[in-house]
Amino acid sequence: MKTTISSANVDHIASLSHIPITEAESKNLADGFTKVLEVVDDLFGVDTQNIQPVSQVTGLENVTRSDEVLTERMFTQEEALRNASRTHNGFFVVDQIIDK
């Protein structure tokens, strides 16, 4: 199944995203998206029946430290709200901002 993305598809997505693009960019993106989908279609055709799943191929291990909560560095709720200009029931109050 060959899937193609047209410039009209790209223009529609750009319009929904409020991203201005030129005709040349639209054609270039359409060609690029179509190529990506062709590669994905090729991958779906690969026979993986007798292949074992692999999650790590380099042998490296995670070297990050475990997440630790340092309670001596935490603010209490009262300290966090101390300099807030407006609060309500223990929360910050901010102006509502709605565009379109």
N, C-alpha and C. Protein backbone atom coordinates (compact mmCIF):
# COMPACT_ATOMS: atom_id res chain seq x y z
N MET A 1 0.84 -1.18 0.00
CA MET A 1 0.00 0.00 0.00
C MET A 1 0.89 1.24 0.00
N LYS A 2 0.78 2.03 -1.04
CA LYS A 2 1.60 3.23 -1.14
C LYS A 2 0.78 4.43 -0.65
N THR A 3 1.28 5.06 0.40
CA THR A 3 0.62 6.23 0.95
C THR A 3 1.39 7.46 0.52
N THR A 4 0.71 8.44 0.02
CA THR A 4 1.36 9.69 -0.36
C THR A 4 0.71 10.85 0.37
N ILE A 5 1.52 11.82 0.66
CA ILE A 5 1.05 13.04 1.29
C ILE A 5 1.13 14.14 0.24
N SER A 6 0.04 14.83 0.02
CA SER A 6 0.01 15.88 -0.99
C SER A 6 0.34 17.23 -0.35
N SER A 7 0.64 18.19 -1.20
CA SER A 7 0.87 19.55 -0.71
C SER A 7 -0.40 20.08 -0.04
N ALA A 8 -1.56 19.65 -0.52
CA ALA A 8 -2.83 20.08 0.09
C ALA A 8 -2.92 19.55 1.52
N ASN A 9 -2.48 18.29 1.75
CA ASN A 9 -2.47 17.74 3.11
C ASN A 9 -1.57 18.57 4.02
N VAL A 10 -0.38 18.90 3.52
CA VAL A 10 0.58 19.69 4.30
C VAL A 10 0.01 21.07 4.58
N ASP A 11 -0.60 21.69 3.58
CA ASP A 11 -1.20 23.02 3.77
C ASP A 11 -2.30 22.98 4.82
N HIS A 12 -3.10 21.92 4.80
CA HIS A 12 -4.18 21.77 5.78
C HIS A 12 -3.61 21.64 7.20
N ILE A 13 -2.59 20.80 7.36
CA ILE A 13 -1.97 20.61 8.68
C ILE A 13 -1.33 21.92 9.14
N ALA A 14 -0.64 22.61 8.24
CA ALA A 14 -0.01 23.89 8.59
C ALA A 14 -1.06 24.91 9.01
N SER A 15 -2.20 24.90 8.32
CA SER A 15 -3.29 25.81 8.66
C SER A 15 -3.84 25.51 10.06
N LEU A 16 -4.04 24.23 10.34
CA LEU A 16 -4.55 23.85 11.67
C LEU A 16 -3.57 24.22 12.77
N SER A 17 -2.27 24.17 12.43
CA SER A 17 -1.22 24.46 13.41
C SER A 17 -0.85 25.93 13.45
N HIS A 18 -1.48 26.72 12.59
CA HIS A 18 -1.15 28.15 12.48
C HIS A 18 0.33 28.35 12.19
N ILE A 19 0.87 27.52 11.28
CA ILE A 19 2.27 27.63 10.87
C ILE A 19 2.28 28.09 9.41
N PRO A 20 2.79 29.28 9.16
CA PRO A 20 2.83 29.75 7.78
C PRO A 20 3.95 29.04 7.00
N ILE A 21 3.62 28.51 5.82
CA ILE A 21 4.63 27.87 4.97
C ILE A 21 4.42 28.33 3.53
N THR A 22 5.52 28.32 2.78
CA THR A 22 5.46 28.70 1.38
C THR A 22 5.08 27.49 0.54
N GLU A 23 4.79 27.74 -0.76
CA GLU A 23 4.46 26.64 -1.66
C GLU A 23 5.64 25.68 -1.78
N ALA A 24 6.85 26.23 -1.85
CA ALA A 24 8.05 25.39 -1.97
C ALA A 24 8.23 24.52 -0.72
N GLU A 25 8.00 25.12 0.45
CA GLU A 25 8.10 24.35 1.69
C GLU A 25 7.04 23.26 1.74
N SER A 26 5.84 23.59 1.28
CA SER A 26 4.75 22.63 1.27
C SER A 26 5.08 21.43 0.40
N LYS A 27 5.62 21.67 -0.80
CA LYS A 27 5.99 20.58 -1.70
C LYS A 27 7.13 19.75 -1.10
N ASN A 28 8.13 20.44 -0.54
CA ASN A 28 9.27 19.76 0.06
C ASN A 28 8.83 18.88 1.24
N LEU A 29 7.96 19.41 2.10
CA LEU A 29 7.46 18.63 3.23
C LEU A 29 6.62 17.45 2.76
N ALA A 30 5.79 17.66 1.75
CA ALA A 30 4.96 16.57 1.22
C ALA A 30 5.84 15.44 0.70
N ASP A 31 6.89 15.79 -0.04
CA ASP A 31 7.82 14.78 -0.55
C ASP A 31 8.52 14.05 0.59
N GLY A 32 8.96 14.81 1.60
CA GLY A 32 9.63 14.21 2.75
C GLY A 32 8.73 13.27 3.54
N PHE A 33 7.50 13.70 3.78
CA PHE A 33 6.56 12.86 4.52
C PHE A 33 6.25 11.58 3.74
N THR A 34 6.12 11.71 2.42
CA THR A 34 5.84 10.53 1.59
C THR A 34 7.00 9.55 1.67
N LYS A 35 8.23 10.04 1.63
CA LYS A 35 9.41 9.17 1.74
C LYS A 35 9.44 8.45 3.09
N VAL A 36 9.12 9.18 4.15
CA VAL A 36 9.09 8.57 5.48
C VAL A 36 8.05 7.45 5.52
N LEU A 37 6.88 7.70 4.97
CA LEU A 37 5.83 6.68 4.96
C LEU A 37 6.23 5.47 4.11
N GLU A 38 7.00 5.69 3.03
CA GLU A 38 7.49 4.57 2.22
C GLU A 38 8.42 3.69 3.04
N VAL A 39 9.30 4.31 3.84
CA VAL A 39 10.21 3.54 4.70
C VAL A 39 9.42 2.75 5.74
N VAL A 40 8.41 3.39 6.32
CA VAL A 40 7.58 2.70 7.32
C VAL A 40 6.86 1.52 6.66
N ASP A 41 6.33 1.72 5.47
CA ASP A 41 5.67 0.63 4.74
C ASP A 41 6.65 -0.52 4.49
N ASP A 42 7.90 -0.20 4.13
CA ASP A 42 8.93 -1.23 3.92
C ASP A 42 9.18 -1.99 5.22
N LEU A 43 9.22 -1.28 6.34
CA LEU A 43 9.47 -1.94 7.63
C LEU A 43 8.34 -2.90 7.99
N PHE A 44 7.11 -2.55 7.64
CA PHE A 44 6.00 -3.45 7.91
C PHE A 44 6.12 -4.75 7.13
N GLY A 45 6.85 -4.72 6.02
CA GLY A 45 7.02 -5.92 5.20
C GLY A 45 8.14 -6.83 5.66
N VAL A 46 8.92 -6.43 6.65
CA VAL A 46 10.04 -7.25 7.13
C VAL A 46 9.52 -8.40 7.98
N ASP A 47 10.00 -9.61 7.68
CA ASP A 47 9.59 -10.80 8.43
C ASP A 47 10.36 -10.86 9.75
N THR A 48 9.64 -10.73 10.85
CA THR A 48 10.27 -10.75 12.17
C THR A 48 9.78 -11.93 13.01
N GLN A 49 9.23 -12.94 12.35
CA GLN A 49 8.66 -14.09 13.06
C GLN A 49 9.65 -14.76 14.01
N ASN A 50 10.87 -15.02 13.55
CA ASN A 50 11.84 -15.76 14.36
C ASN A 50 12.90 -14.88 14.99
N ILE A 51 12.59 -13.62 15.18
CA ILE A 51 13.54 -12.68 15.76
C ILE A 51 13.13 -12.39 17.20
N GLN A 52 14.10 -12.53 18.11
CA GLN A 52 13.84 -12.25 19.52
C GLN A 52 13.87 -10.74 19.76
N PRO A 53 12.99 -10.23 20.60
CA PRO A 53 12.99 -8.80 20.90
C PRO A 53 14.30 -8.40 21.60
N VAL A 54 14.78 -7.21 21.28
CA VAL A 54 16.01 -6.69 21.87
C VAL A 54 15.73 -5.30 22.41
N SER A 55 16.13 -5.04 23.64
CA SER A 55 15.91 -3.71 24.18
C SER A 55 17.22 -2.97 24.41
N GLN A 56 18.34 -3.68 24.41
CA GLN A 56 19.63 -3.05 24.68
C GLN A 56 20.70 -3.79 23.89
N VAL A 57 21.41 -3.09 23.03
CA VAL A 57 22.39 -3.77 22.18
C VAL A 57 23.82 -3.38 22.50
N THR A 58 24.03 -2.34 23.31
CA THR A 58 25.40 -1.87 23.57
C THR A 58 26.01 -2.45 24.83
N GLY A 59 25.18 -3.00 25.72
CA GLY A 59 25.69 -3.53 26.98
C GLY A 59 25.86 -2.45 28.05
N LEU A 60 25.52 -1.21 27.71
CA LEU A 60 25.66 -0.14 28.70
C LEU A 60 24.55 -0.23 29.73
N GLU A 61 24.82 0.28 30.91
CA GLU A 61 23.82 0.31 31.97
C GLU A 61 23.51 1.74 32.34
N ASN A 62 22.35 1.95 32.92
CA ASN A 62 21.95 3.26 33.36
C ASN A 62 22.89 3.74 34.46
N VAL A 63 23.45 4.94 34.29
CA VAL A 63 24.39 5.45 35.27
C VAL A 63 23.84 6.65 36.04
N THR A 64 22.55 6.91 35.90
CA THR A 64 21.97 8.02 36.63
C THR A 64 21.68 7.59 38.06
N ARG A 65 21.66 8.58 38.92
CA ARG A 65 21.39 8.28 40.33
C ARG A 65 19.89 8.14 40.55
N SER A 66 19.52 7.50 41.61
CA SER A 66 18.09 7.39 41.92
C SER A 66 17.58 8.74 42.39
N ASP A 67 16.32 8.99 42.16
CA ASP A 67 15.70 10.25 42.52
C ASP A 67 15.54 10.30 44.03
N GLU A 68 16.06 11.36 44.64
CA GLU A 68 15.96 11.51 46.09
C GLU A 68 15.31 12.84 46.41
N VAL A 69 14.40 12.84 47.35
CA VAL A 69 13.75 14.05 47.80
C VAL A 69 14.55 14.60 48.98
N LEU A 70 15.04 15.83 48.84
CA LEU A 70 15.79 16.46 49.91
C LEU A 70 14.83 17.38 50.68
N THR A 71 14.26 16.84 51.73
CA THR A 71 13.23 17.58 52.46
C THR A 71 13.76 18.87 53.07
N GLU A 72 15.05 18.93 53.35
CA GLU A 72 15.61 20.15 53.95
C GLU A 72 15.66 21.30 52.93
N ARG A 73 15.51 21.00 51.64
CA ARG A 73 15.52 22.03 50.60
C ARG A 73 14.11 22.36 50.11
N MET A 74 13.10 21.73 50.66
CA MET A 74 11.73 21.92 50.21
C MET A 74 11.10 23.12 50.92
N PHE A 75 10.22 23.83 50.20
CA PHE A 75 9.42 24.87 50.82
C PHE A 75 8.19 24.24 51.44
N THR A 76 7.74 24.80 52.52
CA THR A 76 6.41 24.44 53.00
C THR A 76 5.43 25.20 52.11
N GLN A 77 4.18 24.81 52.15
CA GLN A 77 3.19 25.50 51.33
C GLN A 77 3.12 26.98 51.72
N GLU A 78 3.21 27.24 53.00
CA GLU A 78 3.17 28.62 53.49
C GLU A 78 4.35 29.43 52.95
N GLU A 79 5.55 28.85 52.94
CA GLU A 79 6.73 29.54 52.41
C GLU A 79 6.60 29.79 50.91
N ALA A 80 6.07 28.83 50.19
CA ALA A 80 5.94 28.96 48.74
C ALA A 80 4.96 30.07 48.38
N LEU A 81 3.92 30.23 49.16
CA LEU A 81 2.89 31.22 48.86
C LEU A 81 3.16 32.58 49.49
N ARG A 82 4.20 32.68 50.29
CA ARG A 82 4.44 33.90 51.08
C ARG A 82 4.47 35.16 50.22
N ASN A 83 5.14 35.16 49.07
CA ASN A 83 5.28 36.36 48.25
C ASN A 83 4.28 36.44 47.09
N ALA A 84 3.33 35.53 47.06
CA ALA A 84 2.33 35.54 45.98
C ALA A 84 1.40 36.73 46.15
N SER A 85 1.09 37.38 45.04
CA SER A 85 0.20 38.54 45.14
C SER A 85 -1.24 38.13 45.42
N ARG A 86 -1.64 36.92 44.92
CA ARG A 86 -3.00 36.44 45.17
C ARG A 86 -2.96 34.93 45.41
N THR A 87 -3.71 34.50 46.41
CA THR A 87 -3.83 33.07 46.70
C THR A 87 -5.28 32.76 47.04
N HIS A 88 -5.62 31.47 46.94
CA HIS A 88 -6.96 31.02 47.32
C HIS A 88 -6.86 29.57 47.75
N ASN A 89 -7.26 29.29 48.96
CA ASN A 89 -7.26 27.92 49.50
C ASN A 89 -5.92 27.21 49.31
N GLY A 90 -4.82 27.94 49.49
CA GLY A 90 -3.51 27.32 49.42
C GLY A 90 -2.95 27.19 48.01
N PHE A 91 -3.52 27.87 47.03
CA PHE A 91 -3.04 27.81 45.65
C PHE A 91 -2.72 29.22 45.16
N PHE A 92 -1.84 29.32 44.16
CA PHE A 92 -1.58 30.58 43.49
C PHE A 92 -2.80 30.92 42.63
N VAL A 93 -3.13 32.19 42.55
CA VAL A 93 -4.21 32.65 41.69
C VAL A 93 -3.58 33.52 40.60
N VAL A 94 -3.88 33.20 39.33
CA VAL A 94 -3.35 33.97 38.20
C VAL A 94 -4.51 34.36 37.31
N ASP A 95 -4.28 35.40 36.50
CA ASP A 95 -5.31 35.82 35.55
C ASP A 95 -5.50 34.77 34.48
N GLN A 96 -6.73 34.60 34.05
CA GLN A 96 -7.05 33.66 32.97
C GLN A 96 -6.65 34.28 31.65
N ILE A 97 -5.96 33.49 30.83
CA ILE A 97 -5.53 33.98 29.51
C ILE A 97 -6.07 33.00 28.47
N ILE A 98 -7.01 33.49 27.66
CA ILE A 98 -7.58 32.65 26.60
C ILE A 98 -7.49 33.44 25.31
N ASP A 99 -6.83 32.85 24.32
CA ASP A 99 -6.72 33.45 23.00
C ASP A 99 -7.50 32.63 22.01
N LYS A 100 -8.42 33.25 21.33
CA LYS A 100 -9.24 32.58 20.30
C LYS A 100 -9.94 31.39 20.87
